Amino acid sequence: MGAVCAKVSGILLEYETLKVVHIRSKKVGFINRMIQLVVICYVIGYAIVYEKGYQDTDTVTSGVTAKLKGVAYTNLPEDPGIGQRIWDMADYHIPPQQTNAFYVMTNLHVTPNQKNSTCAEKPSLKTCVTDEDCAAGQLVENGDGMMTGNCIPYGDGRMSCEIVAWCPVEDESRTINRGAVLQEDARNFTVFIKNSIEFTKFDHKQRNIEDSVNNASYLATCNYHPKTDPFCPIFRLEDIFRYAGVLDQWDNATKLGAVMAVDILWNCNLDTLQYSCSPQYKFRRVDNPAVRLSPGFNFRFARYFKLQEDGAIVQYRDLTKSYGVLFLINVEGEAGKFSPVPLFINLGTGLALLSIATVMCDFITLNILKKREVYREKKYEDVDVDDEFLPLKLNPDGHTTSAS
């Protein structure tokens, strides 16, 4: 027990101090300097210069608006919901404003002049043989209205339940094989994306419109091109698909709908001598066109109006199922500007990393070199002396000195 206590007390009550040993070895000296050189190159060349470790950074705050332009013409007299007409941005840009997004309608199915009355439900939702198959007062699950209890002809030889609904009910079977209504004209639709950004920490504000040019004439004629005009904020819809690498999917996307992304990247250097702050645009398709269930993008909306019938005012509506491309606008970015704080932090980190050279050289000399035993004896020395404090002596001037 006494031996154990002595061992523990010896460990707890010992003291280590550094000992400097000069090793005159060209190999070890070369390794030491090379490691130090690598550390210095890493800190200065990579961490400070390449990674701009001398800059403070801030992330971007952004706001985006989109304005569409372009007209289309349809000549479908057999389709009373579409017919012969001109389509402009007020018709196909739905809704007019969204947050960081815009939608372009490229295809549609219209069920015109619906009113609240009774009619046959679609057989695909509710078929019947007798009236007993149509429970009066019950809603058709995932259907268009409430059953009256009557089983009636649908019109194509099939029988379905009569319902109270907005009649006639929507039926896309007659237009399902038709191409996108605005497919060709939509290629030349353009969108003006106005992006205002701010780096709050540096009080820096900017737009994606070059202020050095005559904005009125420039914006009237430019179209974005990644090489010839990379800073023009006006984009043709077909070009967006082209730059995203999915132009071959244009027909499918305009018929069934799609979701595209426009990424705006701001990587800015706000130092006076190296100033650069311009947007970069990237494009990609977000949805998967290969899915089998519910592909594309669509939604329904209605326009309501009233007509007078037999002295009474009756409410009507035109129901539109809209297919189109939803464009999501994502803005990301970071700005850097010189600041002494990150510079000193990186320099301090570099000084700390220089100790790696000492650790590596110690490992080599103590474990690999032939004279490692000699080096170990020189580096480590045990002093086992229970030295007492020297008594203090008081001088005539009142100061104390140790007696020798």
Protein backbone atom coordinates (compact mmCIF):
# COMPACT_ATOMS: atom_id res chain seq x y z
CA MET A 1 0.00 0.00 0.00
CA GLY A 2 2.84 2.36 0.86
CA ALA A 3 4.52 1.67 -2.47
CA VAL A 4 1.30 2.50 -4.33
CA CYS A 5 0.88 5.76 -2.45
CA ALA A 6 4.50 6.66 -3.16
CA LYS A 7 3.99 5.95 -6.87
CA VAL A 8 0.82 8.05 -7.05
CA SER A 9 2.36 10.93 -5.11
CA GLY A 10 5.40 10.77 -7.39
CA ILE A 11 3.20 11.15 -10.46
CA LEU A 12 1.07 13.93 -9.00
CA LEU A 13 3.92 15.88 -7.47
CA GLU A 14 6.38 15.90 -10.35
CA TYR A 15 7.11 18.90 -12.57
CA GLU A 16 8.11 19.01 -16.23
CA THR A 17 10.04 21.83 -17.88
CA LEU A 18 11.15 22.28 -21.48
CA LYS A 19 14.67 21.45 -22.48
CA VAL A 20 16.21 22.84 -25.66
CA VAL A 21 18.34 20.33 -27.59
CA HIS A 22 20.12 21.49 -30.76
CA ILE A 23 20.36 18.56 -33.18
CA ARG A 24 22.87 19.22 -35.94
CA SER A 25 21.40 16.88 -38.53
CA LYS A 26 20.88 17.96 -42.16
CA LYS A 27 18.07 15.45 -42.64
CA VAL A 28 16.12 16.55 -39.58
CA GLY A 29 16.81 20.22 -40.28
CA PHE A 30 15.61 19.85 -43.86
CA ILE A 31 12.41 18.08 -42.76
CA ASN A 32 11.78 20.77 -40.14
CA ARG A 33 12.15 23.64 -42.64
CA MET A 34 10.04 21.88 -45.26
CA ILE A 35 7.18 21.32 -42.82
CA GLN A 36 7.37 24.95 -41.72
CA LEU A 37 7.37 26.05 -45.37
CA VAL A 38 4.29 23.94 -46.11
CA VAL A 39 2.44 25.40 -43.12
CA ILE A 40 3.38 28.97 -44.11
CA CYS A 41 2.31 28.38 -47.72
CA TYR A 42 -0.98 26.89 -46.54
CA VAL A 43 -1.75 29.76 -44.18
CA ILE A 44 -0.69 32.61 -46.46
CA GLY A 45 -1.34 31.14 -49.89
CA TYR A 46 -4.53 29.18 -49.24
CA ALA A 47 -6.22 30.31 -46.02
CA ILE A 48 -5.50 34.04 -46.40
CA VAL A 49 -5.05 34.74 -50.14
CA TYR A 50 -7.06 32.04 -51.94
CA GLU A 51 -9.85 31.70 -49.37
CA LYS A 52 -9.71 35.45 -48.61
CA GLY A 53 -9.09 34.89 -44.94
CA TYR A 54 -8.47 38.62 -44.58
CA GLN A 55 -12.15 39.43 -45.30
CA ASP A 56 -15.27 39.63 -43.20
CA THR A 57 -18.34 38.16 -44.95
CA ASP A 58 -22.09 38.76 -45.15
CA THR A 59 -24.93 36.85 -46.84
CA VAL A 60 -27.27 38.47 -49.33
CA THR A 61 -30.74 39.86 -48.64
CA SER A 62 -32.85 39.91 -51.78
CA GLY A 63 -36.12 40.93 -53.40
CA VAL A 64 -37.33 39.77 -56.84
CA THR A 65 -40.08 40.83 -59.26
CA ALA A 66 -40.85 39.39 -62.70
CA LYS A 67 -42.59 41.01 -65.68
CA LEU A 68 -43.72 38.95 -68.66
CA LYS A 69 -44.17 40.14 -72.24
CA GLY A 70 -45.35 38.48 -75.42
CA VAL A 71 -48.56 37.71 -77.29
CA ALA A 72 -50.05 34.52 -78.71
CA TYR A 73 -52.86 33.73 -81.13
CA THR A 74 -55.20 30.73 -81.05
CA ASN A 75 -57.47 29.55 -83.86
CA LEU A 76 -59.66 26.88 -82.31
CA PRO A 77 -63.25 27.68 -83.31
CA GLU A 78 -64.31 24.14 -82.37
CA ASP A 79 -63.33 24.87 -78.76
CA PRO A 80 -65.81 27.45 -77.42
CA GLY A 81 -63.72 28.04 -74.34
CA ILE A 82 -60.72 29.16 -76.39
CA GLY A 83 -61.76 30.00 -79.96
CA GLN A 84 -60.04 32.59 -82.12
CA ARG A 85 -58.37 35.20 -79.98
CA ILE A 86 -55.22 37.03 -78.92
CA TRP A 87 -53.55 36.13 -75.61
CA ASP A 88 -51.36 38.66 -73.82
CA MET A 89 -49.57 38.74 -70.46
CA ALA A 90 -52.79 39.53 -68.59
CA ASP A 91 -54.25 36.25 -69.86
CA TYR A 92 -51.40 33.77 -69.37
CA HIS A 93 -49.49 35.33 -66.42
CA ILE A 94 -51.45 33.94 -63.44
CA PRO A 95 -51.36 35.42 -60.82
CA PRO A 96 -49.72 38.70 -61.91
CA GLN A 97 -47.31 38.71 -58.95
CA GLN A 98 -45.84 35.96 -56.79
CA THR A 99 -43.08 35.92 -54.20
CA ASN A 100 -39.82 34.81 -55.87
CA ALA A 101 -41.72 33.01 -58.63
CA PHE A 102 -43.82 33.49 -61.76
CA TYR A 103 -46.17 31.23 -63.68
CA VAL A 104 -46.79 31.07 -67.44
CA MET A 105 -49.90 29.28 -68.71
CA THR A 106 -49.10 27.34 -71.89
CA ASN A 107 -52.09 24.99 -72.15
CA LEU A 108 -55.64 24.99 -70.87
CA HIS A 109 -58.97 23.24 -70.90
CA VAL A 110 -62.02 25.48 -70.51
CA THR A 111 -65.49 24.39 -69.44
CA PRO A 112 -67.58 27.48 -70.31
CA ASN A 113 -70.94 28.66 -69.04
CA GLN A 114 -71.30 26.45 -66.00
CA LYS A 115 -74.19 27.13 -63.65
CA ASN A 116 -75.68 25.47 -60.57
CA SER A 117 -78.12 22.87 -61.87
CA THR A 118 -78.43 19.09 -62.33
CA CYS A 119 -76.48 16.98 -64.81
CA ALA A 120 -74.81 13.59 -65.17
CA GLU A 121 -71.61 12.92 -63.25
CA LYS A 122 -68.63 11.66 -65.23
CA PRO A 123 -68.87 7.84 -65.56
CA SER A 124 -65.22 7.57 -64.54
CA LEU A 125 -66.26 8.84 -61.11
CA LYS A 126 -69.71 7.30 -60.60
CA THR A 127 -71.39 4.73 -62.86
CA CYS A 128 -74.78 3.17 -62.17
CA VAL A 129 -77.31 0.61 -63.41
CA THR A 130 -80.39 1.59 -61.41
CA ASP A 131 -81.45 4.50 -59.22
CA GLU A 132 -80.53 2.44 -56.16
CA ASP A 133 -76.87 2.88 -57.12
CA CYS A 134 -77.18 6.64 -56.59
CA ALA A 135 -77.87 7.41 -52.93
CA ALA A 136 -79.71 10.73 -52.81
CA GLY A 137 -78.08 13.41 -50.69
CA GLN A 138 -74.61 11.87 -50.76
CA LEU A 139 -71.58 13.61 -52.24
CA VAL A 140 -69.67 11.79 -54.95
CA GLU A 141 -66.24 10.96 -53.52
CA ASN A 142 -63.61 13.01 -55.39
CA GLY A 143 -66.44 14.02 -57.71
CA ASP A 144 -68.23 17.18 -58.79
CA GLY A 145 -71.43 17.33 -56.71
CA MET A 146 -74.23 15.68 -54.71
CA MET A 147 -76.30 12.81 -56.04
CA THR A 148 -80.06 13.27 -56.57
CA GLY A 149 -80.93 9.55 -56.55
CA ASN A 150 -81.46 9.24 -60.30
CA CYS A 151 -79.43 7.12 -62.73
CA ILE A 152 -79.39 8.85 -66.12
CA PRO A 153 -77.56 8.55 -69.49
CA TYR A 154 -74.28 10.40 -69.68
CA GLY A 155 -74.42 10.98 -73.42
CA ASP A 156 -71.99 8.41 -74.78
CA GLY A 157 -74.12 5.34 -74.11
CA ARG A 158 -72.95 4.95 -70.52
CA MET A 159 -75.07 5.52 -67.41
CA SER A 160 -74.06 7.69 -64.45
CA CYS A 161 -75.62 9.28 -61.42
CA GLU A 162 -77.36 12.61 -61.70
CA ILE A 163 -75.80 15.26 -59.46
CA VAL A 164 -76.39 18.81 -58.30
CA ALA A 165 -73.26 20.65 -59.39
CA TRP A 166 -71.74 23.31 -61.59
CA CYS A 167 -73.04 21.95 -64.89
CA PRO A 168 -71.94 20.82 -67.37
CA VAL A 169 -69.13 19.09 -65.47
CA GLU A 170 -65.54 19.29 -66.66
CA ASP A 171 -64.59 16.61 -69.20
CA GLU A 172 -61.09 16.65 -70.70
CA SER A 173 -61.54 13.53 -72.84
CA ARG A 174 -62.16 15.59 -76.01
CA THR A 175 -58.97 17.64 -75.65
CA ILE A 176 -56.58 15.21 -73.94
CA ASN A 177 -54.76 14.39 -77.19
CA ARG A 178 -54.50 18.00 -78.30
CA GLY A 179 -51.15 19.77 -78.18
CA ALA A 180 -50.45 22.73 -75.92
CA VAL A 181 -52.56 25.70 -76.99
CA LEU A 182 -49.77 28.29 -76.60
CA GLN A 183 -46.88 25.91 -77.22
CA GLU A 184 -45.23 27.62 -80.19
CA ASP A 185 -45.93 31.26 -79.38
CA ALA A 186 -44.72 30.79 -75.80
CA ARG A 187 -41.19 30.12 -77.07
CA ASN A 188 -40.74 33.85 -77.65
CA PHE A 189 -42.34 35.06 -74.43
CA THR A 190 -39.82 37.05 -72.42
CA VAL A 191 -39.50 37.67 -68.70
CA PHE A 192 -37.79 40.66 -67.14
CA ILE A 193 -36.38 39.58 -63.76
CA LYS A 194 -35.59 42.56 -61.53
CA ASN A 195 -33.45 41.58 -58.56
CA SER A 196 -32.49 44.05 -55.83
CA ILE A 197 -29.97 42.89 -53.23
CA GLU A 198 -28.34 44.23 -50.08
CA PHE A 199 -25.39 43.22 -47.94
CA THR A 200 -26.52 44.78 -44.68
CA LYS A 201 -23.23 44.47 -42.82
CA PHE A 202 -21.41 46.53 -45.46
CA ASP A 203 -24.33 48.86 -46.34
CA HIS A 204 -24.03 47.81 -49.99
CA LYS A 205 -27.08 47.81 -52.31
CA GLN A 206 -27.23 46.77 -55.94
CA ARG A 207 -29.52 45.60 -58.75
CA ASN A 208 -29.01 43.11 -61.56
CA ILE A 209 -29.37 45.96 -64.05
CA GLU A 210 -26.18 47.67 -65.17
CA ASP A 211 -26.34 51.36 -64.26
CA SER A 212 -23.50 52.20 -66.65
CA VAL A 213 -25.69 51.76 -69.74
CA ASN A 214 -28.73 53.59 -71.04
CA ASN A 215 -31.34 51.40 -69.39
CA ALA A 216 -34.26 52.39 -71.62
CA SER A 217 -32.64 51.50 -74.95
CA TYR A 218 -30.60 48.59 -73.59
CA LEU A 219 -33.53 46.79 -71.97
CA ALA A 220 -35.64 47.26 -75.08
CA THR A 221 -33.26 45.24 -77.24
CA CYS A 222 -31.19 42.87 -75.08
CA ASN A 223 -31.76 39.18 -74.44
CA TYR A 224 -29.72 37.17 -71.96
CA HIS A 225 -26.89 35.08 -73.35
CA PRO A 226 -24.26 33.52 -71.06
CA LYS A 227 -21.38 34.67 -73.29
CA THR A 228 -22.45 37.64 -75.41
CA ASP A 229 -24.79 39.34 -72.92
CA PRO A 230 -24.45 37.73 -69.45
CA PHE A 231 -25.84 40.73 -67.53
CA CYS A 232 -29.07 41.27 -69.46
CA PRO A 233 -32.02 40.58 -67.08
CA ILE A 234 -34.45 39.64 -69.88
CA PHE A 235 -34.85 35.96 -70.74
CA ARG A 236 -36.72 34.12 -73.51
CA LEU A 237 -38.63 31.16 -72.08
CA GLU A 238 -37.24 28.82 -74.73
CA ASP A 239 -33.70 29.97 -73.88
CA ILE A 240 -34.25 29.13 -70.21
CA PHE A 241 -35.04 25.54 -71.23
CA ARG A 242 -32.04 25.54 -73.57
CA TYR A 243 -29.57 26.74 -70.93
CA ALA A 244 -31.03 24.22 -68.47
CA GLY A 245 -30.28 21.46 -70.99
CA VAL A 246 -33.93 20.38 -71.32
CA LEU A 247 -35.00 22.04 -74.58
CA ASP A 248 -36.03 18.62 -75.88
CA GLN A 249 -38.68 18.54 -73.12
CA TRP A 250 -40.34 21.78 -74.27
CA ASP A 251 -43.36 20.13 -75.91
CA ASN A 252 -44.06 17.90 -72.91
CA ALA A 253 -43.52 20.73 -70.40
CA THR A 254 -45.86 23.15 -72.18
CA LYS A 255 -48.57 20.50 -72.56
CA LEU A 256 -48.57 19.01 -69.05
CA GLY A 257 -46.73 21.72 -67.10
CA ALA A 258 -43.36 21.80 -65.39
CA VAL A 259 -41.40 23.42 -62.56
CA MET A 260 -38.20 25.26 -63.46
CA ALA A 261 -35.66 27.06 -61.28
CA VAL A 262 -33.73 30.24 -62.02
CA ASP A 263 -30.77 30.55 -59.65
CA ILE A 264 -29.16 33.98 -59.25
CA LEU A 265 -25.74 33.86 -57.59
CA TRP A 266 -24.05 36.94 -56.13
CA ASN A 267 -20.43 36.31 -55.07
CA CYS A 268 -19.02 39.78 -54.42
CA ASN A 269 -15.63 41.18 -53.49
CA LEU A 270 -16.20 44.66 -52.06
CA ASP A 271 -12.54 45.60 -51.56
CA THR A 272 -11.76 48.80 -53.47
CA LEU A 273 -8.80 47.44 -55.44
CA GLN A 274 -10.47 44.14 -56.32
CA TYR A 275 -14.13 45.17 -56.57
CA SER A 276 -16.43 42.76 -58.40
CA CYS A 277 -20.14 42.26 -57.85
CA SER A 278 -22.23 40.90 -60.73
CA PRO A 279 -24.95 38.24 -60.86
CA GLN A 280 -24.52 34.81 -62.38
CA TYR A 281 -27.54 32.90 -63.67
CA LYS A 282 -28.12 29.16 -63.66
CA PHE A 283 -31.17 27.22 -64.83
CA ARG A 284 -32.52 23.75 -64.07
CA ARG A 285 -35.71 21.71 -64.15
CA VAL A 286 -36.99 20.81 -60.70
CA ASP A 287 -39.81 18.32 -61.32
CA ASN A 288 -39.26 14.86 -62.78
CA PRO A 289 -40.90 14.49 -66.22
CA ALA A 290 -40.56 10.70 -66.09
CA VAL A 291 -43.08 10.14 -63.29
CA ARG A 292 -46.22 8.22 -64.22
CA LEU A 293 -48.65 9.57 -61.64
CA SER A 294 -49.71 13.22 -61.85
CA PRO A 295 -46.85 14.56 -63.98
CA GLY A 296 -46.32 18.24 -64.69
CA PHE A 297 -47.99 21.22 -63.02
CA ASN A 298 -51.61 22.41 -63.23
CA PHE A 299 -54.38 24.05 -61.25
CA ARG A 300 -57.94 25.31 -61.76
CA PHE A 301 -59.48 28.74 -61.52
CA ALA A 302 -62.84 30.24 -62.45
CA ARG A 303 -64.13 33.55 -63.79
CA TYR A 304 -67.63 34.39 -62.61
CA PHE A 305 -70.34 36.42 -64.33
CA LYS A 306 -74.10 36.86 -64.16
CA LEU A 307 -76.82 36.66 -66.82
CA GLN A 308 -80.51 37.39 -66.74
CA GLU A 309 -82.78 34.41 -67.41
CA ASP A 310 -86.59 34.57 -67.26
CA GLY A 311 -86.43 37.74 -65.21
CA ALA A 312 -83.96 36.30 -62.70
CA ILE A 313 -80.21 36.87 -62.31
CA VAL A 314 -78.28 33.60 -62.66
CA GLN A 315 -74.62 33.23 -61.78
CA TYR A 316 -72.38 31.52 -64.31
CA ARG A 317 -68.70 30.73 -64.46
CA ASP A 318 -66.04 29.64 -66.95
CA LEU A 319 -63.90 26.93 -65.34
CA THR A 320 -60.30 26.75 -66.58
CA LYS A 321 -57.83 23.97 -65.92
CA SER A 322 -54.48 25.63 -66.50
CA TYR A 323 -51.27 23.85 -67.45
CA GLY A 324 -48.02 25.77 -67.52
CA VAL A 325 -44.51 26.32 -66.26
CA LEU A 326 -43.85 27.54 -62.74
CA PHE A 327 -40.51 29.32 -62.51
CA LEU A 328 -38.94 29.49 -59.03
CA ILE A 329 -36.34 32.24 -58.53
CA ASN A 330 -33.65 31.48 -55.94
CA VAL A 331 -31.17 34.16 -54.93
CA GLU A 332 -28.00 33.23 -53.04
CA GLY A 333 -24.76 35.04 -52.44
CA GLU A 334 -22.01 36.21 -50.15
CA ALA A 335 -19.87 39.34 -50.05
CA GLY A 336 -16.44 39.82 -48.53
CA LYS A 337 -14.60 42.94 -47.42
CA PHE A 338 -11.25 43.48 -45.70
CA SER A 339 -11.28 43.32 -41.91
CA PRO A 340 -8.28 42.99 -39.53
CA VAL A 341 -10.11 40.58 -37.20
CA PRO A 342 -10.28 37.52 -39.52
CA LEU A 343 -6.77 38.32 -40.76
CA PHE A 344 -5.28 38.17 -37.25
CA ILE A 345 -7.27 35.04 -36.45
CA ASN A 346 -5.83 33.25 -39.48
CA LEU A 347 -2.31 34.46 -38.69
CA GLY A 348 -2.65 33.21 -35.11
CA THR A 349 -3.88 29.87 -36.41
CA GLY A 350 -0.84 29.70 -38.67
CA LEU A 351 1.57 30.34 -35.82
CA ALA A 352 -0.08 27.57 -33.86
CA LEU A 353 0.23 25.20 -36.82
CA LEU A 354 4.00 25.78 -36.95
CA SER A 355 4.27 23.58 -33.87
CA ILE A 356 3.45 20.66 -36.18
CA ALA A 357 7.03 20.86 -37.45
CA THR A 358 8.42 20.35 -33.95
CA VAL A 359 6.10 17.42 -33.26
CA MET A 360 7.00 15.70 -36.56
CA CYS A 361 10.74 16.20 -36.11
CA ASP A 362 10.58 14.91 -32.53
CA PHE A 363 8.81 11.80 -33.76
CA ILE A 364 11.44 11.21 -36.46
CA THR A 365 14.48 11.76 -34.22
CA LEU A 366 13.12 9.73 -31.30
CA ASN A 367 11.67 6.81 -33.26
CA ILE A 368 13.14 6.52 -36.76
CA LEU A 369 16.76 7.74 -36.90
CA LYS A 370 19.59 5.33 -36.04
CA LYS A 371 20.80 7.47 -33.14
CA ARG A 372 17.35 7.73 -31.63
CA GLU A 373 18.57 6.41 -28.25
CA VAL A 374 21.18 9.17 -28.06
CA TYR A 375 18.58 11.80 -28.92
CA ARG A 376 16.18 10.37 -26.34
CA GLU A 377 18.84 10.56 -23.62
CA LYS A 378 19.61 14.15 -24.52
CA LYS A 379 15.99 15.22 -24.71
CA TYR A 380 14.65 13.55 -21.57
CA GLU A 381 16.45 13.88 -18.25
CA ASP A 382 15.07 12.80 -14.89
CA VAL A 383 16.13 14.75 -11.79
CA ASP A 384 15.14 12.98 -8.58
CA VAL A 385 16.13 15.46 -5.86
CA ASP A 386 14.06 16.48 -2.90
CA ASP A 387 15.44 20.02 -2.79
CA GLU A 388 14.35 22.21 0.08
CA PHE A 389 13.77 25.91 -0.08
CA LEU A 390 16.78 28.02 0.88
CA PRO A 391 16.29 30.04 4.09
CA LEU A 392 15.66 33.74 3.59
CA LYS A 393 17.92 36.36 5.20
CA LEU A 394 16.86 39.91 5.98
CA ASN A 395 19.29 42.61 4.74
CA PRO A 396 19.88 45.86 6.65
CA ASP A 397 17.96 47.76 3.95
CA GLY A 398 14.86 45.63 4.68
CA HIS A 399 15.03 43.41 1.53
CA THR A 400 15.23 39.63 1.67
CA THR A 401 17.82 37.46 -0.01
CA SER A 402 18.26 33.69 -0.13
CA ALA A 403 21.10 32.23 1.85
CA SER A 404 23.63 30.20 -0.13
